Amino acid sequence: MNQTDLRSVVMAHSASAHEKFSELTISSKIRVAWEVFRLQASLMFSQKLLWVLLGELVYLVLRYVENYHDDVVSRVTQNGVVNELLAFPLVVLAVLMNMFLISGEKEKRTLEGMFTTAGSRYKVWLLRTVSLNITIFLMALALSVLTYFTFTDLPIWGATFHVFVPVFFIGNMTLYFSVKFRSALAAGMVAGIFIFLLLIINTFMEESGFYRYMLFFNPYELPREIDPATWVVWTWQNKISVLVLSFAMLFAALRGMNNREKLLR
């Protein structure tokens, strides 16, 4: 499935249907939304979604084998499972997918077609980024479920949300760098440097007690000296702040696409 195929499918649906999306029944809206999401995911992953899922599964299996052979004291607990088992593979996936989101279309020579599509270009790229982040969220949910049954007890939906928020930020940051430097390789390198610096800052803040300012804030790792009620407030302050920064990065990336000639060079 390429960009031309997607456009032909959309045109065929448009030609055969005369109702607006808002006028469709709920079941029809769900079918249309699912079809658009399926096509977008097929375009972004280039039919390699199964390989991505297999890679995630292999990572979990290897960590499970390693954890099984460790002594009881050294095994993965609820405190370390969020960042170690869930965040790491999803961060790698978010960086790889967002760094190629723009440059991949450029290499396939379909980027110019994205700018000439009827309607706002923001809608086109928002649909692409929303589909990508829904896919990442579903992967986070699947990893949480597998972790629950193989490693340790944890709240599945809570862990999914808490791990998705920093991954969402890193993905949008990578997308911004991809637009800024017009290169997937440059975006990946700069994003990697920033992630390395963020990890150092994260460690420093944890040692200094500035928990609420950590990007990889783990709500399940409650320090003994912190009141649980205060910890809950810090958790929501952290997640809301990171989400605001994430949407700011996404807005900056979309605004950067206004310079069409610069992107097409």
C-alpha atoms as a PDB file:
ATOM      1  CA  MET A   1       0.000   0.000   0.000  1.00  0.00           C
ATOM      2  CA  ASN A   2       1.477   3.342  -1.076  1.00  0.00           C
ATOM      3  CA  GLN A   3       0.289   6.946  -1.083  1.00  0.00           C
ATOM      4  CA  THR A   4      -1.282   6.577  -4.536  1.00  0.00           C
ATOM      5  CA  ASP A   5      -3.256   3.520  -3.439  1.00  0.00           C
ATOM      6  CA  LEU A   6      -4.499   5.327  -0.352  1.00  0.00           C
ATOM      7  CA  ARG A   7      -5.599   8.321  -2.422  1.00  0.00           C
ATOM      8  CA  SER A   8      -7.440   6.063  -4.883  1.00  0.00           C
ATOM      9  CA  VAL A   9      -9.258   4.293  -2.040  1.00  0.00           C
ATOM     10  CA  VAL A  10     -10.295   7.601  -0.493  1.00  0.00           C
ATOM     11  CA  MET A  11     -11.473   8.928  -3.871  1.00  0.00           C
ATOM     12  CA  ALA A  12     -13.429   5.754  -4.516  1.00  0.00           C
ATOM     13  CA  HIS A  13     -15.176   6.012  -1.164  1.00  0.00           C
ATOM     14  CA  SER A  14     -15.867   9.695  -1.781  1.00  0.00           C
ATOM     15  CA  ALA A  15     -17.316   8.989  -5.190  1.00  0.00           C
ATOM     16  CA  SER A  16     -19.608   6.239  -3.941  1.00  0.00           C
ATOM     17  CA  ALA A  17     -20.750   7.954  -0.763  1.00  0.00           C
ATOM     18  CA  HIS A  18     -22.665  11.201  -0.679  1.00  0.00           C
ATOM     19  CA  GLU A  19     -23.164  11.483   3.055  1.00  0.00           C
ATOM     20  CA  LYS A  20     -20.933  13.561   5.257  1.00  0.00           C
ATOM     21  CA  PHE A  21     -19.022  11.790   7.996  1.00  0.00           C
ATOM     22  CA  SER A  22     -21.072  13.597  10.632  1.00  0.00           C
ATOM     23  CA  GLU A  23     -24.271  12.270   9.017  1.00  0.00           C
ATOM     24  CA  LEU A  24     -23.205   8.612   9.139  1.00  0.00           C
ATOM     25  CA  THR A  25     -24.488   6.171  11.720  1.00  0.00           C
ATOM     26  CA  ILE A  26     -22.251   5.268  14.655  1.00  0.00           C
ATOM     27  CA  SER A  27     -21.442   1.845  13.191  1.00  0.00           C
ATOM     28  CA  SER A  28     -20.535   3.433   9.832  1.00  0.00           C
ATOM     29  CA  LYS A  29     -18.320   5.985  11.550  1.00  0.00           C
ATOM     30  CA  ILE A  30     -16.508   3.190  13.374  1.00  0.00           C
ATOM     31  CA  ARG A  31     -15.994   1.255  10.125  1.00  0.00           C
ATOM     32  CA  VAL A  32     -14.674   4.334   8.303  1.00  0.00           C
ATOM     33  CA  ALA A  33     -12.391   5.280  11.210  1.00  0.00           C
ATOM     34  CA  TRP A  34     -11.034   1.728  11.397  1.00  0.00           C
ATOM     35  CA  GLU A  35     -10.400   1.602   7.635  1.00  0.00           C
ATOM     36  CA  VAL A  36      -8.553   4.932   7.671  1.00  0.00           C
ATOM     37  CA  PHE A  37      -6.508   3.845  10.689  1.00  0.00           C
ATOM     38  CA  ARG A  38      -5.669   0.508   9.038  1.00  0.00           C
ATOM     39  CA  LEU A  39      -4.523   2.194   5.828  1.00  0.00           C
ATOM     40  CA  GLN A  40      -2.463   4.786   7.684  1.00  0.00           C
ATOM     41  CA  ALA A  41      -0.776   2.106   9.811  1.00  0.00           C
ATOM     42  CA  SER A  42      -0.063   0.091   6.669  1.00  0.00           C
ATOM     43  CA  LEU A  43       1.549   3.127   5.048  1.00  0.00           C
ATOM     44  CA  MET A  44       3.665   4.057   8.075  1.00  0.00           C
ATOM     45  CA  PHE A  45       4.921   0.586   8.883  1.00  0.00           C
ATOM     46  CA  SER A  46       5.209  -0.457   5.226  1.00  0.00           C
ATOM     47  CA  GLN A  47       3.704  -3.872   5.960  1.00  0.00           C
ATOM     48  CA  LYS A  48       6.324  -4.426   8.686  1.00  0.00           C
ATOM     49  CA  LEU A  49       4.026  -4.123  11.675  1.00  0.00           C
ATOM     50  CA  LEU A  50       4.273  -7.861  12.364  1.00  0.00           C
ATOM     51  CA  TRP A  51       8.069  -7.588  12.470  1.00  0.00           C
ATOM     52  CA  VAL A  52       7.804  -4.724  14.931  1.00  0.00           C
ATOM     53  CA  LEU A  53       5.485  -6.748  17.152  1.00  0.00           C
ATOM     54  CA  LEU A  54       7.823  -9.731  16.877  1.00  0.00           C
ATOM     55  CA  GLY A  55      10.767  -7.558  17.945  1.00  0.00           C
ATOM     56  CA  GLU A  56       8.858  -6.331  20.991  1.00  0.00           C
ATOM     57  CA  LEU A  57       7.933  -9.911  21.884  1.00  0.00           C
ATOM     58  CA  VAL A  58      11.525 -11.138  21.521  1.00  0.00           C
ATOM     59  CA  TYR A  59      12.722  -8.349  23.814  1.00  0.00           C
ATOM     60  CA  LEU A  60      10.202  -9.368  26.484  1.00  0.00           C
ATOM     61  CA  VAL A  61      11.124 -13.046  26.164  1.00  0.00           C
ATOM     62  CA  LEU A  62      14.836 -12.329  26.554  1.00  0.00           C
ATOM     63  CA  ARG A  63      14.190 -10.138  29.599  1.00  0.00           C
ATOM     64  CA  TYR A  64      11.919 -12.808  31.065  1.00  0.00           C
ATOM     65  CA  VAL A  65      14.596 -15.481  30.691  1.00  0.00           C
ATOM     66  CA  GLU A  66      17.195 -13.178  32.249  1.00  0.00           C
ATOM     67  CA  ASN A  67      14.836 -12.240  35.076  1.00  0.00           C
ATOM     68  CA  TYR A  68      13.962 -15.910  35.713  1.00  0.00           C
ATOM     69  CA  HIS A  69      17.625 -16.845  36.210  1.00  0.00           C
ATOM     70  CA  ASP A  70      18.314 -13.897  38.528  1.00  0.00           C
ATOM     71  CA  ASP A  71      18.079 -14.336  42.279  1.00  0.00           C
ATOM     72  CA  VAL A  72      14.849 -13.223  43.964  1.00  0.00           C
ATOM     73  CA  VAL A  73      16.334  -9.954  45.278  1.00  0.00           C
ATOM     74  CA  SER A  74      17.548  -8.847  41.814  1.00  0.00           C
ATOM     75  CA  ARG A  75      14.383  -9.643  39.885  1.00  0.00           C
ATOM     76  CA  VAL A  76      12.240  -6.986  38.245  1.00  0.00           C
ATOM     77  CA  THR A  77       9.657  -5.459  40.563  1.00  0.00           C
ATOM     78  CA  GLN A  78       6.748  -3.087  40.046  1.00  0.00           C
ATOM     79  CA  ASN A  79       9.059  -0.168  40.804  1.00  0.00           C
ATOM     80  CA  GLY A  80      11.330  -0.850  37.837  1.00  0.00           C
ATOM     81  CA  VAL A  81       9.015  -2.473  35.341  1.00  0.00           C
ATOM     82  CA  VAL A  82       7.585   0.756  33.859  1.00  0.00           C
ATOM     83  CA  ASN A  83      10.846   2.294  32.632  1.00  0.00           C
ATOM     84  CA  GLU A  84      12.843  -0.891  32.124  1.00  0.00           C
ATOM     85  CA  LEU A  85      10.371  -3.153  30.345  1.00  0.00           C
ATOM     86  CA  LEU A  86       7.777  -0.797  28.899  1.00  0.00           C
ATOM     87  CA  ALA A  87       9.375   2.574  28.193  1.00  0.00           C
ATOM     88  CA  PHE A  88      12.644   1.417  26.606  1.00  0.00           C
ATOM     89  CA  PRO A  89      11.267  -0.523  23.591  1.00  0.00           C
ATOM     90  CA  LEU A  90       8.522   2.045  23.020  1.00  0.00           C
ATOM     91  CA  VAL A  91      10.998   4.947  23.055  1.00  0.00           C
ATOM     92  CA  VAL A  92      13.078   3.171  20.403  1.00  0.00           C
ATOM     93  CA  LEU A  93       9.965   2.558  18.307  1.00  0.00           C
ATOM     94  CA  ALA A  94       8.723   6.162  18.673  1.00  0.00           C
ATOM     95  CA  VAL A  95      12.090   7.585  17.596  1.00  0.00           C
ATOM     96  CA  LEU A  96      12.400   5.278  14.578  1.00  0.00           C
ATOM     97  CA  MET A  97       8.856   5.876  13.348  1.00  0.00           C
ATOM     98  CA  ASN A  98       8.801   9.650  13.833  1.00  0.00           C
ATOM     99  CA  MET A  99      12.230  10.228  12.286  1.00  0.00           C
ATOM    100  CA  PHE A 100      11.015   8.572   9.073  1.00  0.00           C
ATOM    101  CA  LEU A 101       7.498  10.023   9.127  1.00  0.00           C
ATOM    102  CA  ILE A 102       8.511  13.005   6.954  1.00  0.00           C
ATOM    103  CA  SER A 103      11.757  11.865   5.334  1.00  0.00           C
ATOM    104  CA  GLY A 104      10.196   8.523   4.410  1.00  0.00           C
ATOM    105  CA  GLU A 105       7.627  10.312   2.246  1.00  0.00           C
ATOM    106  CA  LYS A 106      10.435  12.413   0.782  1.00  0.00           C
ATOM    107  CA  GLU A 107      12.481   9.343  -0.157  1.00  0.00           C
ATOM    108  CA  LYS A 108       9.429   7.690  -1.747  1.00  0.00           C
ATOM    109  CA  ARG A 109       8.803  10.946  -3.680  1.00  0.00           C
ATOM    110  CA  THR A 110       5.288  11.210  -2.282  1.00  0.00           C
ATOM    111  CA  LEU A 111       5.904  14.215  -0.034  1.00  0.00           C
ATOM    112  CA  GLU A 112       4.887  16.726  -2.703  1.00  0.00           C
ATOM    113  CA  GLY A 113       1.634  14.839  -3.157  1.00  0.00           C
ATOM    114  CA  MET A 114       0.921  15.322   0.542  1.00  0.00           C
ATOM    115  CA  PHE A 115       1.093  19.096   0.028  1.00  0.00           C
ATOM    116  CA  THR A 116      -1.240  19.018  -2.999  1.00  0.00           C
ATOM    117  CA  THR A 117      -3.924  16.891  -1.332  1.00  0.00           C
ATOM    118  CA  ALA A 118      -7.268  18.675  -1.170  1.00  0.00           C
ATOM    119  CA  GLY A 119      -7.930  20.233   2.211  1.00  0.00           C
ATOM    120  CA  SER A 120      -5.573  21.405   4.897  1.00  0.00           C
ATOM    121  CA  ARG A 121      -2.151  19.751   5.055  1.00  0.00           C
ATOM    122  CA  TYR A 122      -2.485  19.886   8.830  1.00  0.00           C
ATOM    123  CA  LYS A 123      -5.363  17.410   8.645  1.00  0.00           C
ATOM    124  CA  VAL A 124      -3.245  15.023   6.576  1.00  0.00           C
ATOM    125  CA  TRP A 125      -0.291  15.048   8.972  1.00  0.00           C
ATOM    126  CA  LEU A 126      -2.476  15.090  12.074  1.00  0.00           C
ATOM    127  CA  LEU A 127      -4.221  11.967  10.790  1.00  0.00           C
ATOM    128  CA  ARG A 128      -0.826  10.357  10.249  1.00  0.00           C
ATOM    129  CA  THR A 129       0.526  11.271  13.702  1.00  0.00           C
ATOM    130  CA  VAL A 130      -2.717  10.320  15.467  1.00  0.00           C
ATOM    131  CA  SER A 131      -2.664   6.897  13.782  1.00  0.00           C
ATOM    132  CA  LEU A 132       0.976   6.398  14.760  1.00  0.00           C
ATOM    133  CA  ASN A 133       0.402   7.341  18.387  1.00  0.00           C
ATOM    134  CA  ILE A 134      -2.706   5.156  18.629  1.00  0.00           C
ATOM    135  CA  THR A 135      -0.567   2.261  17.398  1.00  0.00           C
ATOM    136  CA  ILE A 136       2.117   3.025  19.993  1.00  0.00           C
ATOM    137  CA  PHE A 137      -0.525   3.293  22.728  1.00  0.00           C
ATOM    138  CA  LEU A 138      -1.966  -0.099  21.758  1.00  0.00           C
ATOM    139  CA  MET A 139       1.540  -1.557  21.847  1.00  0.00           C
ATOM    140  CA  ALA A 140       2.042  -0.061  25.312  1.00  0.00           C
ATOM    141  CA  LEU A 141      -1.232  -1.677  26.385  1.00  0.00           C
ATOM    142  CA  ALA A 142      -0.175  -5.045  24.957  1.00  0.00           C
ATOM    143  CA  LEU A 143       3.208  -4.845  26.704  1.00  0.00           C
ATOM    144  CA  SER A 144       1.474  -3.971  29.978  1.00  0.00           C
ATOM    145  CA  VAL A 145      -0.789  -7.000  29.664  1.00  0.00           C
ATOM    146  CA  LEU A 146       2.135  -9.319  28.917  1.00  0.00           C
ATOM    147  CA  THR A 147       4.138  -7.820  31.779  1.00  0.00           C
ATOM    148  CA  TYR A 148       1.209  -8.342  34.161  1.00  0.00           C
ATOM    149  CA  PHE A 149       1.055 -12.060  33.372  1.00  0.00           C
ATOM    150  CA  THR A 150       4.812 -12.717  33.180  1.00  0.00           C
ATOM    151  CA  PHE A 151       6.753 -10.350  35.456  1.00  0.00           C
ATOM    152  CA  THR A 152       4.834  -8.610  38.207  1.00  0.00           C
ATOM    153  CA  ASP A 153       1.431  -7.345  39.250  1.00  0.00           C
ATOM    154  CA  LEU A 154       0.704  -3.832  37.983  1.00  0.00           C
ATOM    155  CA  PRO A 155      -2.351  -1.742  37.023  1.00  0.00           C
ATOM    156  CA  ILE A 156      -2.551  -2.332  33.269  1.00  0.00           C
ATOM    157  CA  TRP A 157      -4.348   0.840  32.171  1.00  0.00           C
ATOM    158  CA  GLY A 158      -2.451   3.041  34.619  1.00  0.00           C
ATOM    159  CA  ALA A 159       0.925   1.681  33.547  1.00  0.00           C
ATOM    160  CA  THR A 160      -0.039   2.094  29.883  1.00  0.00           C
ATOM    161  CA  PHE A 161      -0.926   5.750  30.373  1.00  0.00           C
ATOM    162  CA  HIS A 162       2.109   6.587  32.504  1.00  0.00           C
ATOM    163  CA  VAL A 163       4.555   5.010  30.066  1.00  0.00           C
ATOM    164  CA  PHE A 164       2.854   6.455  26.983  1.00  0.00           C
ATOM    165  CA  VAL A 165       3.133  10.100  28.099  1.00  0.00           C
ATOM    166  CA  PRO A 166       6.972  10.399  27.956  1.00  0.00           C
ATOM    167  CA  VAL A 167       7.050   8.239  24.800  1.00  0.00           C
ATOM    168  CA  PHE A 168       4.558  10.641  23.212  1.00  0.00           C
ATOM    169  CA  PHE A 169       6.822  13.569  24.067  1.00  0.00           C
ATOM    170  CA  ILE A 170       9.937  11.897  22.652  1.00  0.00           C
ATOM    171  CA  GLY A 171       8.088  10.948  19.480  1.00  0.00           C
ATOM    172  CA  ASN A 172       6.900  14.519  18.868  1.00  0.00           C
ATOM    173  CA  MET A 173      10.374  15.843  19.686  1.00  0.00           C
ATOM    174  CA  THR A 174      11.846  13.516  17.061  1.00  0.00           C
ATOM    175  CA  LEU A 175       9.208  14.602  14.546  1.00  0.00           C
ATOM    176  CA  TYR A 176      10.125  18.240  15.166  1.00  0.00           C
ATOM    177  CA  PHE A 177      13.817  17.488  14.582  1.00  0.00           C
ATOM    178  CA  SER A 178      12.912  15.609  11.402  1.00  0.00           C
ATOM    179  CA  VAL A 179      11.107  18.685  10.067  1.00  0.00           C
ATOM    180  CA  LYS A 180      13.802  21.057  11.342  1.00  0.00           C
ATOM    181  CA  PHE A 181      16.768  19.234   9.796  1.00  0.00           C
ATOM    182  CA  ARG A 182      14.904  17.619   6.859  1.00  0.00           C
ATOM    183  CA  SER A 183      16.806  14.390   7.499  1.00  0.00           C
ATOM    184  CA  ALA A 184      15.862  11.171   9.283  1.00  0.00           C
ATOM    185  CA  LEU A 185      19.473  10.451  10.211  1.00  0.00           C
ATOM    186  CA  ALA A 186      20.032  13.928  11.689  1.00  0.00           C
ATOM    187  CA  ALA A 187      16.714  13.746  13.565  1.00  0.00           C
ATOM    188  CA  GLY A 188      17.616  10.350  15.004  1.00  0.00           C
ATOM    189  CA  MET A 189      21.084  11.495  16.088  1.00  0.00           C
ATOM    190  CA  VAL A 190      19.849  14.699  17.732  1.00  0.00           C
ATOM    191  CA  ALA A 191      16.947  12.856  19.398  1.00  0.00           C
ATOM    192  CA  GLY A 192      19.384  10.239  20.698  1.00  0.00           C
ATOM    193  CA  ILE A 193      21.616  12.942  22.188  1.00  0.00           C
ATOM    194  CA  PHE A 194      18.633  14.637  23.830  1.00  0.00           C
ATOM    195  CA  ILE A 195      17.376  11.337  25.253  1.00  0.00           C
ATOM    196  CA  PHE A 196      20.847  10.645  26.686  1.00  0.00           C
ATOM    197  CA  LEU A 197      20.905  14.096  28.294  1.00  0.00           C
ATOM    198  CA  LEU A 198      17.358  13.635  29.589  1.00  0.00           C
ATOM    199  CA  LEU A 199      18.368  10.353  31.224  1.00  0.00           C
ATOM    200  CA  ILE A 200      21.276  12.092  32.964  1.00  0.00           C
ATOM    201  CA  ILE A 201      18.982  14.911  34.091  1.00  0.00           C
ATOM    202  CA  ASN A 202      16.410  12.325  35.180  1.00  0.00           C
ATOM    203  CA  THR A 203      18.997  10.600  37.402  1.00  0.00           C
ATOM    204  CA  PHE A 204      20.180  13.907  38.848  1.00  0.00           C
ATOM    205  CA  MET A 205      16.634  15.015  39.679  1.00  0.00           C
ATOM    206  CA  GLU A 206      15.842  11.678  41.289  1.00  0.00           C
ATOM    207  CA  GLU A 207      18.918  11.916  43.504  1.00  0.00           C
ATOM    208  CA  SER A 208      18.113  15.554  44.362  1.00  0.00           C
ATOM    209  CA  GLY A 209      14.467  14.909  45.170  1.00  0.00           C
ATOM    210  CA  PHE A 210      13.016  16.874  42.213  1.00  0.00           C
ATOM    211  CA  TYR A 211      10.747  13.990  41.290  1.00  0.00           C
ATOM    212  CA  ARG A 212       7.940  15.982  39.741  1.00  0.00           C
ATOM    213  CA  TYR A 213      10.304  17.429  37.062  1.00  0.00           C
ATOM    214  CA  MET A 214      11.523  14.044  35.797  1.00  0.00           C
ATOM    215  CA  LEU A 215      10.543  13.103  32.258  1.00  0.00           C
ATOM    216  CA  PHE A 216      10.555   9.387  33.119  1.00  0.00           C
ATOM    217  CA  PHE A 217       8.537   9.883  36.276  1.00  0.00           C
ATOM    218  CA  ASN A 218       7.624   6.485  37.755  1.00  0.00           C
ATOM    219  CA  PRO A 219       4.444   6.858  39.845  1.00  0.00           C
ATOM    220  CA  TYR A 220       4.900   3.378  41.306  1.00  0.00           C
ATOM    221  CA  GLU A 221       8.306   4.141  42.845  1.00  0.00           C
ATOM    222  CA  LEU A 222       7.109   6.060  45.900  1.00  0.00           C
ATOM    223  CA  PRO A 223       9.966   7.304  48.127  1.00  0.00           C
ATOM    224  CA  ARG A 224       9.559   6.646  51.838  1.00  0.00           C
ATOM    225  CA  GLU A 225       9.965  10.301  52.784  1.00  0.00           C
ATOM    226  CA  ILE A 226       7.135  11.511  50.492  1.00  0.00           C
ATOM    227  CA  ASP A 227       3.501  11.568  51.592  1.00  0.00           C
ATOM    228  CA  PRO A 228       1.315   9.419  49.254  1.00  0.00           C
ATOM    229  CA  ALA A 229      -1.210  12.247  48.762  1.00  0.00           C
ATOM    230  CA  THR A 230       1.599  14.618  47.739  1.00  0.00           C
ATOM    231  CA  TRP A 231       2.986  11.953  45.410  1.00  0.00           C
ATOM    232  CA  VAL A 232      -0.372  11.672  43.615  1.00  0.00           C
ATOM    233  CA  VAL A 233      -0.461  15.453  43.104  1.00  0.00           C
ATOM    234  CA  TRP A 234       3.108  15.408  41.744  1.00  0.00           C
ATOM    235  CA  THR A 235       2.194  12.556  39.414  1.00  0.00           C
ATOM    236  CA  TRP A 236      -0.599  14.492  37.741  1.00  0.00           C
ATOM    237  CA  GLN A 237       1.435  17.692  37.633  1.00  0.00           C
ATOM    238  CA  ASN A 238       4.209  15.811  35.869  1.00  0.00           C
ATOM    239  CA  LYS A 239       1.988  14.026  33.351  1.00  0.00           C
ATOM    240  CA  ILE A 240      -0.021  17.128  32.461  1.00  0.00           C
ATOM    241  CA  SER A 241       3.162  19.193  32.007  1.00  0.00           C
ATOM    242  CA  VAL A 242       4.744  16.573  29.748  1.00  0.00           C
ATOM    243  CA  LEU A 243       1.550  16.332  27.678  1.00  0.00           C
ATOM    244  CA  VAL A 244       1.495  20.122  27.241  1.00  0.00           C
ATOM    245  CA  LEU A 245       5.136  20.065  26.091  1.00  0.00           C
ATOM    246  CA  SER A 246       4.329  17.169  23.758  1.00  0.00           C
ATOM    247  CA  PHE A 247       1.528  19.060  22.032  1.00  0.00           C
ATOM    248  CA  ALA A 248       3.787  22.128  21.815  1.00  0.00           C
ATOM    249  CA  MET A 249       6.405  20.005  20.012  1.00  0.00           C
ATOM    250  CA  LEU A 250       3.724  18.638  17.675  1.00  0.00           C
ATOM    251  CA  PHE A 251       2.452  22.152  16.951  1.00  0.00           C
ATOM    252  CA  ALA A 252       6.008  23.346  16.201  1.00  0.00           C
ATOM    253  CA  ALA A 253       6.541  20.400  13.844  1.00  0.00           C
ATOM    254  CA  LEU A 254       3.284  21.089  11.970  1.00  0.00           C
ATOM    255  CA  ARG A 255       4.098  24.786  11.720  1.00  0.00           C
ATOM    256  CA  GLY A 256       7.506  23.882  10.324  1.00  0.00           C
ATOM    257  CA  MET A 257       5.787  22.133   7.423  1.00  0.00           C
ATOM    258  CA  ASN A 258       4.575  25.495   6.125  1.00  0.00           C
ATOM    259  CA  ASN A 259       7.949  25.945   4.439  1.00  0.00           C
ATOM    260  CA  ARG A 260       7.161  23.563   1.590  1.00  0.00           C
ATOM    261  CA  GLU A 261      10.139  24.412  -0.607  1.00  0.00           C
ATOM    262  CA  LYS A 262      12.587  23.860   2.259  1.00  0.00           C
ATOM    263  CA  LEU A 263      11.159  20.410   2.989  1.00  0.00           C
ATOM    264  CA  LEU A 264      11.153  19.325  -0.652  1.00  0.00           C
ATOM    265  CA  ARG A 265      14.815  20.253  -1.241  1.00  0.00           C
END
